[in-house]
Amino acid sequence: MDKFKITGPSQLRGTVRASGAKNAALPALTVSLLTDQALTLDRVPAVRDLKTLRDLLQGLGIESQDGSDGSLRLQAGDDLSSFEAPYDLVKKMRASILVLGPLTARRGRAKVSLPGGCAIGVRPIDQHIAGLRALGAEVELEHGYVLTHAKRLQGTRFSFSLPTVTGTENLMMAACLAKGETVLENCAREPEIENLADLLVTLGAQIEGAGTPTIHIQGVDELGTGRHEIIADRIEGGTYLIGAAMTRGDVRLEGARPEHLMDLIEALEDVGASVTTGDDWIRVEGVGDLVARDISTAPHPGFPTDLQAQFMALLTQTRGVSRVHETIFENRFQHVAELLRMGADIHVEEHTATVSGPTQLSGADVMATDLRASASLVLAGLVAHGVTEVSRIYHLDRGYDAMERKLESLGARVERIPGPPTP
């Protein structure tokens, strides 16, 4: 398994372009299950989760090919007999559950492994199942798999008990081929859901309200062909902007949409960073002293849970006491133990972490436990004195496209040290 060797401290300075959003590309790829015609996607990031999903889709009869212009072309092949997403692939990435809705809607049946455990907490799929049943599917749980069957889904009105991103995406895709109108209520509002709806509409779906709590879908008989661009990854981009503030640097993020990161922008300004924006760029300068600021994670448009760990690393460099309240996942403070090894002053009680600063971090050997925890340890290594080695960065590779190269272009001293192949 590879690791990062980071020599600090350093400042991030320069311009970096945002990659396409992993969390928008994942559902976009599964849309290929809803049509027998070609789907072309632009700005698909080269991250491990997308490779895993392409392998899964290949087993379901979807052929994919990289274009010379950086695009990705997907199309159903001749053999569409498979409807099973096996455990050995689903266990690598929980987002594999996104094939459940499209398979049920298009092929009339699905057999998808339950995703199982997750390092950052329990992420049940009960809302996915309840929604498919509301659409008329027969759903059973058997030997660790979800089995569905439906001749054709029927439009319905369904209200999520709590907003769920993948649940909203799964049911929105399924409802596109249902007979009649479907109304989904208490939906997640993330930009990635809007991006998915835009793609589906391009292929002929009829959807209104994506990005709001209520989505209306008028079912159609079939979807066609089209080309679609994945939006910028707000989490990847936000990570580099946080790095700019905590290293007292100056980073301009291009190809980004400021409206997708308003809560982070406000938090960065509150701690003392200078933030300027344009239509498709954000610039953050770390100027002067940084001051403490409380944050509480919340569904979009609140502060993203996927930026909580990175922002906590920043708070170790601010003057005063900050409190970080995690409301989404119960185990998303696993990075704290590793930050403590580097000299951070953090106390955790239930779902709240109290961070006292500023503290001078020192280089240490640390271990990544999940995707976003990996990013927080890399940021900590940028301001730490000495050498920090972050192991198990295969977590990082799941969601960050060439992170070490992007950081090097901004002036960081980061080296990828190859190790044995990741299992």
Protein backbone atom coordinates (compact mmCIF):
# COMPACT_ATOMS: atom_id res chain seq x y z
CA MET A 1 0.00 0.00 0.00
CA ASP A 2 1.34 3.43 -0.97
CA LYS A 3 1.93 6.21 1.52
CA PHE A 4 2.60 9.95 1.40
CA LYS A 5 5.79 11.48 2.74
CA ILE A 6 5.19 15.15 3.53
CA THR A 7 7.97 17.52 4.58
CA GLY A 8 6.71 20.63 6.35
CA PRO A 9 5.98 23.30 7.00
CA SER A 10 5.06 24.73 3.62
CA GLN A 11 2.69 27.25 2.09
CA LEU A 12 0.22 26.48 -0.68
CA ARG A 13 0.43 29.12 -3.40
CA GLY A 14 -0.80 29.12 -6.96
CA THR A 15 -3.72 27.99 -9.09
CA VAL A 16 -5.34 24.57 -9.14
CA ARG A 17 -8.24 23.30 -11.22
CA ALA A 18 -11.08 21.41 -9.59
CA SER A 19 -11.63 17.85 -10.73
CA GLY A 20 -15.04 16.48 -11.57
CA ALA A 21 -17.05 15.46 -8.53
CA LYS A 22 -16.73 11.82 -7.53
CA ASN A 23 -20.14 11.95 -5.85
CA ALA A 24 -21.73 13.27 -9.05
CA ALA A 25 -19.90 10.89 -11.38
CA LEU A 26 -20.93 7.76 -9.47
CA PRO A 27 -24.70 8.08 -10.06
CA ALA A 28 -24.04 9.42 -13.56
CA LEU A 29 -22.31 6.17 -14.51
CA THR A 30 -25.23 4.09 -13.24
CA VAL A 31 -27.58 6.02 -15.55
CA SER A 32 -26.09 3.83 -18.30
CA LEU A 33 -28.26 1.02 -16.92
CA LEU A 34 -31.40 2.98 -17.85
CA THR A 35 -30.81 3.18 -21.60
CA ASP A 36 -29.55 0.98 -24.40
CA GLN A 37 -28.02 3.97 -26.18
CA ALA A 38 -24.62 5.60 -25.72
CA LEU A 39 -23.92 7.92 -22.79
CA THR A 40 -20.90 10.22 -22.89
CA LEU A 41 -19.63 11.88 -19.71
CA ASP A 42 -17.08 14.67 -19.49
CA ARG A 43 -14.91 15.55 -16.48
CA VAL A 44 -15.04 12.13 -14.86
CA PRO A 45 -12.30 12.06 -12.20
CA ALA A 46 -9.62 9.37 -12.29
CA VAL A 47 -10.28 8.03 -8.79
CA ARG A 48 -10.46 4.51 -7.43
CA ASP A 49 -14.20 4.53 -6.69
CA LEU A 50 -14.98 5.17 -10.35
CA LYS A 51 -12.80 2.24 -11.44
CA THR A 52 -14.65 0.00 -8.97
CA LEU A 53 -18.00 1.09 -10.37
CA ARG A 54 -16.85 0.57 -13.97
CA ASP A 55 -15.86 -2.99 -13.03
CA LEU A 56 -19.29 -3.53 -11.49
CA LEU A 57 -21.08 -2.11 -14.53
CA GLN A 58 -19.01 -4.29 -16.85
CA GLY A 59 -20.35 -7.33 -15.04
CA LEU A 60 -23.86 -5.98 -15.70
CA GLY A 61 -23.21 -5.71 -19.43
CA ILE A 62 -22.20 -2.05 -19.66
CA GLU A 63 -19.14 -1.40 -21.81
CA SER A 64 -17.08 1.70 -21.03
CA GLN A 65 -14.32 3.35 -23.00
CA ASP A 66 -12.07 6.34 -22.30
CA GLY A 67 -12.09 8.95 -25.07
CA SER A 68 -9.04 10.76 -26.40
CA ASP A 69 -10.65 14.04 -25.26
CA GLY A 70 -10.84 12.86 -21.65
CA SER A 71 -14.47 11.76 -21.89
CA LEU A 72 -15.96 8.44 -20.82
CA ARG A 73 -18.39 6.59 -23.11
CA LEU A 74 -20.74 3.96 -21.72
CA GLN A 75 -23.19 1.74 -23.59
CA ALA A 76 -25.06 -1.44 -22.94
CA GLY A 77 -23.58 -4.43 -24.77
CA ASP A 78 -25.32 -7.43 -26.26
CA ASP A 79 -25.55 -9.45 -23.05
CA LEU A 80 -27.82 -7.79 -20.50
CA SER A 81 -28.81 -10.96 -18.68
CA SER A 82 -27.00 -10.14 -15.44
CA PHE A 83 -28.82 -8.26 -12.71
CA GLU A 84 -26.51 -9.06 -9.79
CA ALA A 85 -24.08 -6.75 -7.98
CA PRO A 86 -21.91 -9.17 -5.99
CA TYR A 87 -20.51 -8.62 -2.52
CA ASP A 88 -16.85 -8.69 -3.59
CA LEU A 89 -17.40 -5.46 -5.53
CA VAL A 90 -20.06 -3.77 -3.40
CA LYS A 91 -17.94 -4.16 -0.25
CA LYS A 92 -15.28 -1.91 -1.83
CA MET A 93 -17.67 1.01 -2.21
CA ARG A 94 -21.03 1.62 -0.59
CA ALA A 95 -22.19 3.79 -3.53
CA SER A 96 -22.56 0.57 -5.51
CA ILE A 97 -26.09 0.50 -4.08
CA LEU A 98 -26.90 3.08 -6.78
CA VAL A 99 -27.39 0.26 -9.30
CA LEU A 100 -30.43 -0.98 -7.36
CA GLY A 101 -32.96 1.54 -8.68
CA PRO A 102 -31.86 1.52 -12.34
CA LEU A 103 -31.70 -2.30 -12.50
CA THR A 104 -35.17 -2.64 -11.03
CA ALA A 105 -36.64 -0.01 -13.35
CA ARG A 106 -34.96 -1.12 -16.58
CA ARG A 107 -34.45 -4.88 -16.24
CA GLY A 108 -37.32 -5.61 -13.89
CA ARG A 109 -35.19 -7.22 -11.23
CA ALA A 110 -32.03 -6.74 -9.20
CA LYS A 111 -29.87 -8.67 -6.80
CA VAL A 112 -27.56 -6.29 -4.99
CA SER A 113 -25.37 -7.13 -2.02
CA LEU A 114 -26.06 -5.21 1.15
CA PRO A 115 -23.12 -2.80 1.53
CA GLY A 116 -22.25 -3.88 5.07
CA GLY A 117 -20.25 -1.83 7.55
CA CYS A 118 -18.58 1.52 7.05
CA ALA A 119 -15.65 3.04 8.92
CA ILE A 120 -17.44 6.33 9.61
CA GLY A 121 -20.72 4.86 10.78
CA VAL A 122 -23.91 3.04 9.93
CA ARG A 123 -25.44 4.01 6.60
CA PRO A 124 -28.64 1.97 6.26
CA ILE A 125 -30.51 1.60 2.97
CA ASP A 126 -33.97 1.25 4.51
CA GLN A 127 -35.18 4.36 2.66
CA HIS A 128 -34.08 2.92 -0.69
CA ILE A 129 -36.07 -0.23 0.03
CA ALA A 130 -39.17 1.60 1.29
CA GLY A 131 -39.15 3.85 -1.76
CA LEU A 132 -38.89 0.98 -4.23
CA ARG A 133 -41.74 -0.79 -2.47
CA ALA A 134 -43.80 2.40 -2.76
CA LEU A 135 -43.05 2.33 -6.50
CA GLY A 136 -44.54 -1.16 -6.66
CA ALA A 137 -41.44 -3.36 -6.52
CA GLU A 138 -41.37 -6.60 -4.57
CA VAL A 139 -38.36 -6.43 -2.26
CA GLU A 140 -36.82 -9.21 -0.19
CA LEU A 141 -33.69 -9.49 1.91
CA GLU A 142 -31.99 -12.86 1.56
CA HIS A 143 -28.52 -14.08 2.53
CA GLY A 144 -27.03 -10.58 2.60
CA TYR A 145 -28.61 -9.44 -0.67
CA VAL A 146 -31.49 -7.14 -1.64
CA LEU A 147 -33.68 -8.84 -4.25
CA THR A 148 -36.21 -6.80 -6.20
CA HIS A 149 -38.76 -7.68 -8.87
CA ALA A 150 -41.20 -5.51 -10.82
CA LYS A 151 -42.85 -5.80 -14.24
CA ARG A 152 -42.98 -2.01 -14.38
CA LEU A 153 -42.72 0.45 -11.56
CA GLN A 154 -45.73 2.67 -10.86
CA GLY A 155 -45.64 6.35 -9.99
CA THR A 156 -46.22 7.16 -6.35
CA ARG A 157 -45.81 9.77 -3.63
CA PHE A 158 -43.02 8.95 -1.19
CA SER A 159 -41.56 10.96 1.68
CA PHE A 160 -38.09 10.18 3.02
CA SER A 161 -37.96 9.92 6.80
CA LEU A 162 -34.75 11.91 6.61
CA PRO A 163 -32.84 13.36 3.63
CA THR A 164 -30.55 10.79 1.99
CA VAL A 165 -28.38 11.57 -1.01
CA THR A 166 -28.02 8.09 -2.52
CA GLY A 167 -31.62 7.28 -1.59
CA THR A 168 -32.87 10.35 -3.45
CA GLU A 169 -30.69 9.49 -6.44
CA ASN A 170 -31.75 5.84 -6.53
CA LEU A 171 -35.47 6.58 -6.44
CA MET A 172 -35.21 9.51 -8.86
CA MET A 173 -33.51 7.25 -11.42
CA ALA A 174 -36.02 4.45 -10.88
CA ALA A 175 -39.01 6.81 -11.18
CA CYS A 176 -37.83 8.04 -14.59
CA LEU A 177 -39.07 4.78 -16.15
CA ALA A 178 -42.11 4.29 -13.88
CA LYS A 179 -45.62 4.65 -15.26
CA GLY A 180 -47.16 7.98 -14.27
CA GLU A 181 -46.00 10.69 -11.90
CA THR A 182 -43.81 10.23 -8.85
CA VAL A 183 -43.47 12.86 -6.15
CA LEU A 184 -40.50 12.52 -3.79
CA GLU A 185 -40.63 14.58 -0.59
CA ASN A 186 -38.02 15.51 2.04
CA CYS A 187 -35.33 14.89 -0.58
CA ALA A 188 -31.64 15.63 -0.17
CA ARG A 189 -30.67 18.91 -1.82
CA GLU A 190 -27.00 18.39 -2.69
CA PRO A 191 -25.66 19.85 -5.98
CA GLU A 192 -24.80 16.33 -7.10
CA ILE A 193 -28.53 15.52 -7.19
CA GLU A 194 -29.19 18.52 -9.43
CA ASN A 195 -26.36 17.38 -11.70
CA LEU A 196 -27.88 13.91 -11.95
CA ALA A 197 -31.30 15.37 -12.79
CA ASP A 198 -29.73 17.50 -15.54
CA LEU A 199 -28.19 14.36 -17.04
CA LEU A 200 -31.46 12.43 -16.92
CA VAL A 201 -33.34 15.32 -18.55
CA THR A 202 -30.71 15.40 -21.30
CA LEU A 203 -31.59 11.77 -22.02
CA GLY A 204 -35.32 12.50 -22.14
CA ALA A 205 -36.51 12.26 -18.54
CA GLN A 206 -39.07 14.70 -17.15
CA ILE A 207 -37.92 16.00 -13.76
CA GLU A 208 -38.70 19.18 -11.85
CA GLY A 209 -37.54 20.35 -8.43
CA ALA A 210 -34.17 18.62 -8.09
CA GLY A 211 -32.16 20.55 -5.51
CA THR A 212 -35.31 21.31 -3.50
CA PRO A 213 -37.07 19.16 -0.87
CA THR A 214 -39.74 18.06 -3.38
CA ILE A 215 -38.98 16.44 -6.74
CA HIS A 216 -41.61 15.68 -9.40
CA ILE A 217 -40.85 12.98 -11.98
CA GLN A 218 -43.12 12.13 -14.89
CA GLY A 219 -42.22 8.64 -16.05
CA VAL A 220 -41.29 7.96 -19.68
CA ASP A 221 -41.13 4.73 -21.65
CA GLU A 222 -37.43 4.95 -22.44
CA LEU A 223 -34.35 7.17 -22.24
CA GLY A 224 -32.09 8.01 -25.15
CA THR A 225 -28.54 9.15 -25.79
CA GLY A 226 -26.68 12.26 -24.70
CA ARG A 227 -23.55 13.96 -23.43
CA HIS A 228 -23.14 15.51 -20.00
CA GLU A 229 -20.45 17.24 -17.93
CA ILE A 230 -19.86 16.33 -14.29
CA ILE A 231 -19.83 19.31 -11.93
CA ALA A 232 -16.75 20.37 -9.96
CA ASP A 233 -15.91 18.38 -6.84
CA ARG A 234 -16.77 20.78 -4.02
CA ILE A 235 -15.15 18.52 -1.43
CA GLU A 236 -11.85 18.19 -3.27
CA GLY A 237 -11.83 21.92 -4.00
CA GLY A 238 -12.78 22.78 -0.44
CA THR A 239 -9.85 20.72 0.83
CA TYR A 240 -7.35 22.84 -1.12
CA LEU A 241 -9.05 26.06 0.02
CA ILE A 242 -8.79 24.96 3.66
CA GLY A 243 -5.13 24.14 3.00
CA ALA A 244 -4.57 27.67 1.70
CA ALA A 245 -5.97 29.18 4.89
CA MET A 246 -4.14 26.95 7.35
CA THR A 247 -0.73 27.26 5.63
CA ARG A 248 -1.14 31.06 5.34
CA GLY A 249 -0.99 30.57 1.59
CA ASP A 250 -2.82 31.90 -1.45
CA VAL A 251 -4.74 29.47 -3.68
CA ARG A 252 -7.07 30.14 -6.59
CA LEU A 253 -9.41 27.26 -7.34
CA GLU A 254 -10.62 27.34 -10.94
CA GLY A 255 -13.53 25.51 -12.53
CA ALA A 256 -15.47 25.67 -9.26
CA ARG A 257 -18.91 27.00 -8.38
CA PRO A 258 -18.86 29.23 -5.27
CA GLU A 259 -22.59 28.70 -4.64
CA HIS A 260 -21.85 25.05 -3.86
CA LEU A 261 -19.46 26.00 -1.03
CA MET A 262 -21.12 28.98 0.61
CA ASP A 263 -21.09 27.52 4.14
CA LEU A 264 -17.37 26.73 3.88
CA ILE A 265 -16.63 30.17 2.44
CA GLU A 266 -18.44 31.79 5.37
CA ALA A 267 -16.51 29.63 7.86
CA LEU A 268 -13.16 30.48 6.23
CA GLU A 269 -13.97 34.19 6.38
CA ASP A 270 -15.00 33.85 10.04
CA VAL A 271 -11.64 32.32 11.03
CA GLY A 272 -9.83 35.22 9.34
CA ALA A 273 -9.03 34.08 5.80
CA SER A 274 -9.62 36.37 2.84
CA VAL A 275 -12.02 34.91 0.26
CA THR A 276 -12.84 36.33 -3.16
CA THR A 277 -14.99 34.66 -5.80
CA GLY A 278 -15.98 34.85 -9.44
CA ASP A 279 -18.47 32.96 -11.55
CA ASP A 280 -16.25 29.86 -11.73
CA TRP A 281 -13.39 30.45 -9.30
CA ILE A 282 -12.65 30.89 -5.60
CA ARG A 283 -9.50 32.42 -4.12
CA VAL A 284 -8.48 31.98 -0.47
CA GLU A 285 -5.61 33.85 1.19
CA GLY A 286 -4.46 33.03 4.70
CA VAL A 287 -3.67 36.47 6.04
CA GLY A 288 -2.84 37.42 9.64
CA ASP A 289 -3.92 35.51 12.71
CA LEU A 290 -6.62 32.88 12.44
CA VAL A 291 -9.28 32.76 15.14
CA ALA A 292 -11.43 29.94 16.51
CA ARG A 293 -14.86 29.20 15.06
CA ASP A 294 -17.49 26.59 15.90
CA ILE A 295 -18.96 24.42 13.14
CA SER A 296 -21.81 21.95 13.01
CA THR A 297 -22.22 19.60 10.08
CA ALA A 298 -25.59 19.46 8.33
CA PRO A 299 -27.13 18.31 5.05
CA HIS A 300 -26.65 20.71 2.14
CA PRO A 301 -26.71 23.71 2.17
CA GLY A 302 -25.18 23.32 5.65
CA PHE A 303 -21.54 22.65 6.44
CA PRO A 304 -20.55 19.41 4.66
CA THR A 305 -19.67 16.44 6.83
CA ASP A 306 -17.13 15.55 4.12
CA LEU A 307 -15.14 18.70 5.01
CA GLN A 308 -15.39 18.34 8.78
CA ALA A 309 -12.07 16.49 9.24
CA GLN A 310 -10.17 18.93 7.02
CA PHE A 311 -11.64 21.94 8.83
CA MET A 312 -10.71 20.42 12.17
CA ALA A 313 -7.10 20.30 11.00
CA LEU A 314 -7.38 24.01 10.22
CA LEU A 315 -8.83 24.72 13.69
CA THR A 316 -5.67 23.35 15.31
CA GLN A 317 -3.97 26.47 13.88
CA THR A 318 -6.54 29.01 15.08
CA ARG A 319 -6.35 31.10 18.26
CA GLY A 320 -8.91 30.09 20.89
CA VAL A 321 -11.29 27.21 21.48
CA SER A 322 -13.46 25.79 18.69
CA ARG A 323 -16.17 23.16 18.85
CA VAL A 324 -16.94 20.77 16.04
CA HIS A 325 -20.34 19.10 16.24
CA GLU A 326 -20.86 16.12 13.92
CA THR A 327 -24.53 15.44 13.23
CA ILE A 328 -24.37 13.09 10.22
CA PHE A 329 -22.12 10.13 11.10
CA GLU A 330 -21.49 8.68 14.54
CA ASN A 331 -17.87 7.61 13.96
CA ARG A 332 -16.44 10.52 12.03
CA PHE A 333 -13.81 11.58 14.57
CA GLN A 334 -11.36 8.77 13.84
CA HIS A 335 -8.81 11.28 12.56
CA VAL A 336 -8.61 12.85 16.02
CA ALA A 337 -6.33 10.15 17.43
CA GLU A 338 -3.86 10.69 14.59
CA LEU A 339 -3.96 14.49 14.93
CA LEU A 340 -3.20 14.04 18.65
CA ARG A 341 -0.07 12.11 17.66
CA MET A 342 1.04 15.20 15.78
CA GLY A 343 0.54 17.47 18.79
CA ALA A 344 -3.03 18.70 18.40
CA ASP A 345 -5.08 19.61 21.49
CA ILE A 346 -8.48 18.00 20.89
CA HIS A 347 -10.99 16.54 23.33
CA VAL A 348 -13.92 14.45 22.12
CA GLU A 349 -17.13 13.93 24.03
CA GLU A 350 -19.86 12.02 22.22
CA HIS A 351 -20.50 13.91 18.94
CA THR A 352 -18.57 17.07 19.78
CA ALA A 353 -14.83 17.71 19.47
CA THR A 354 -13.28 20.65 21.31
CA VAL A 355 -10.17 22.02 19.60
CA SER A 356 -7.77 24.37 21.40
CA GLY A 357 -5.17 26.29 19.45
CA PRO A 358 -2.98 27.29 17.98
CA THR A 359 -0.71 24.30 18.43
CA GLN A 360 2.57 23.64 16.68
CA LEU A 361 2.18 20.29 14.99
CA SER A 362 5.16 18.02 14.49
CA GLY A 363 5.72 15.41 11.84
CA ALA A 364 4.77 11.85 12.75
CA ASP A 365 3.80 8.52 11.24
CA VAL A 366 0.02 8.48 11.01
CA MET A 367 -2.57 6.15 9.50
CA ALA A 368 -5.59 7.06 7.41
CA THR A 369 -8.87 5.44 8.46
CA ASP A 370 -11.23 6.78 5.80
CA LEU A 371 -11.30 9.06 2.78
CA ARG A 372 -11.75 12.45 4.42
CA ALA A 373 -9.63 11.57 7.46
CA SER A 374 -6.80 10.96 4.99
CA ALA A 375 -7.16 14.48 3.63
CA SER A 376 -7.11 16.04 7.10
CA LEU A 377 -3.84 14.27 7.94
CA VAL A 378 -2.28 15.46 4.69
CA LEU A 379 -3.27 19.05 5.51
CA ALA A 380 -1.87 18.66 9.02
CA GLY A 381 1.39 17.42 7.50
CA LEU A 382 1.65 20.60 5.44
CA VAL A 383 1.89 22.79 8.57
CA ALA A 384 3.75 20.31 10.78
CA HIS A 385 7.47 20.70 11.41
CA GLY A 386 9.43 17.75 10.06
CA VAL A 387 8.36 14.69 8.14
CA THR A 388 4.86 13.23 8.24
CA GLU A 389 4.17 9.85 6.65
CA VAL A 390 0.52 9.09 5.97
CA SER A 391 -0.05 5.37 5.40
CA ARG A 392 -3.04 3.60 3.85
CA ILE A 393 -3.63 6.39 1.35
CA TYR A 394 -5.66 4.02 -0.78
CA HIS A 395 -8.50 5.67 1.14
CA LEU A 396 -7.38 9.00 -0.33
CA ASP A 397 -7.16 7.58 -3.83
CA ARG A 398 -10.85 6.71 -3.66
CA GLY A 399 -11.84 10.37 -3.95
CA TYR A 400 -8.87 12.63 -4.82
CA ASP A 401 -7.52 12.74 -8.36
CA ALA A 402 -3.68 13.01 -8.30
CA MET A 403 -3.63 14.86 -4.97
CA GLU A 404 0.14 14.71 -4.56
CA ARG A 405 0.72 16.28 -7.98
CA LYS A 406 -1.77 19.06 -7.33
CA LEU A 407 -0.18 19.82 -3.95
CA GLU A 408 3.30 19.81 -5.49
CA SER A 409 2.10 22.32 -8.10
CA LEU A 410 1.08 24.56 -5.20
CA GLY A 411 4.50 24.37 -3.55
CA ALA A 412 4.05 21.50 -1.10
CA ARG A 413 6.73 18.87 -0.60
CA VAL A 414 4.76 15.66 -1.01
CA GLU A 415 6.12 12.34 -2.23
CA ARG A 416 4.17 9.18 -2.96
CA ILE A 417 6.13 6.17 -1.73
CA PRO A 418 5.01 2.98 -3.51
CA GLY A 419 4.16 -0.05 -1.44
CA PRO A 420 2.70 -3.52 -1.97
CA PRO A 421 -0.52 -3.64 -4.02
CA THR A 422 -3.72 -2.71 -2.19
CA PRO A 423 -5.95 -5.73 -1.58
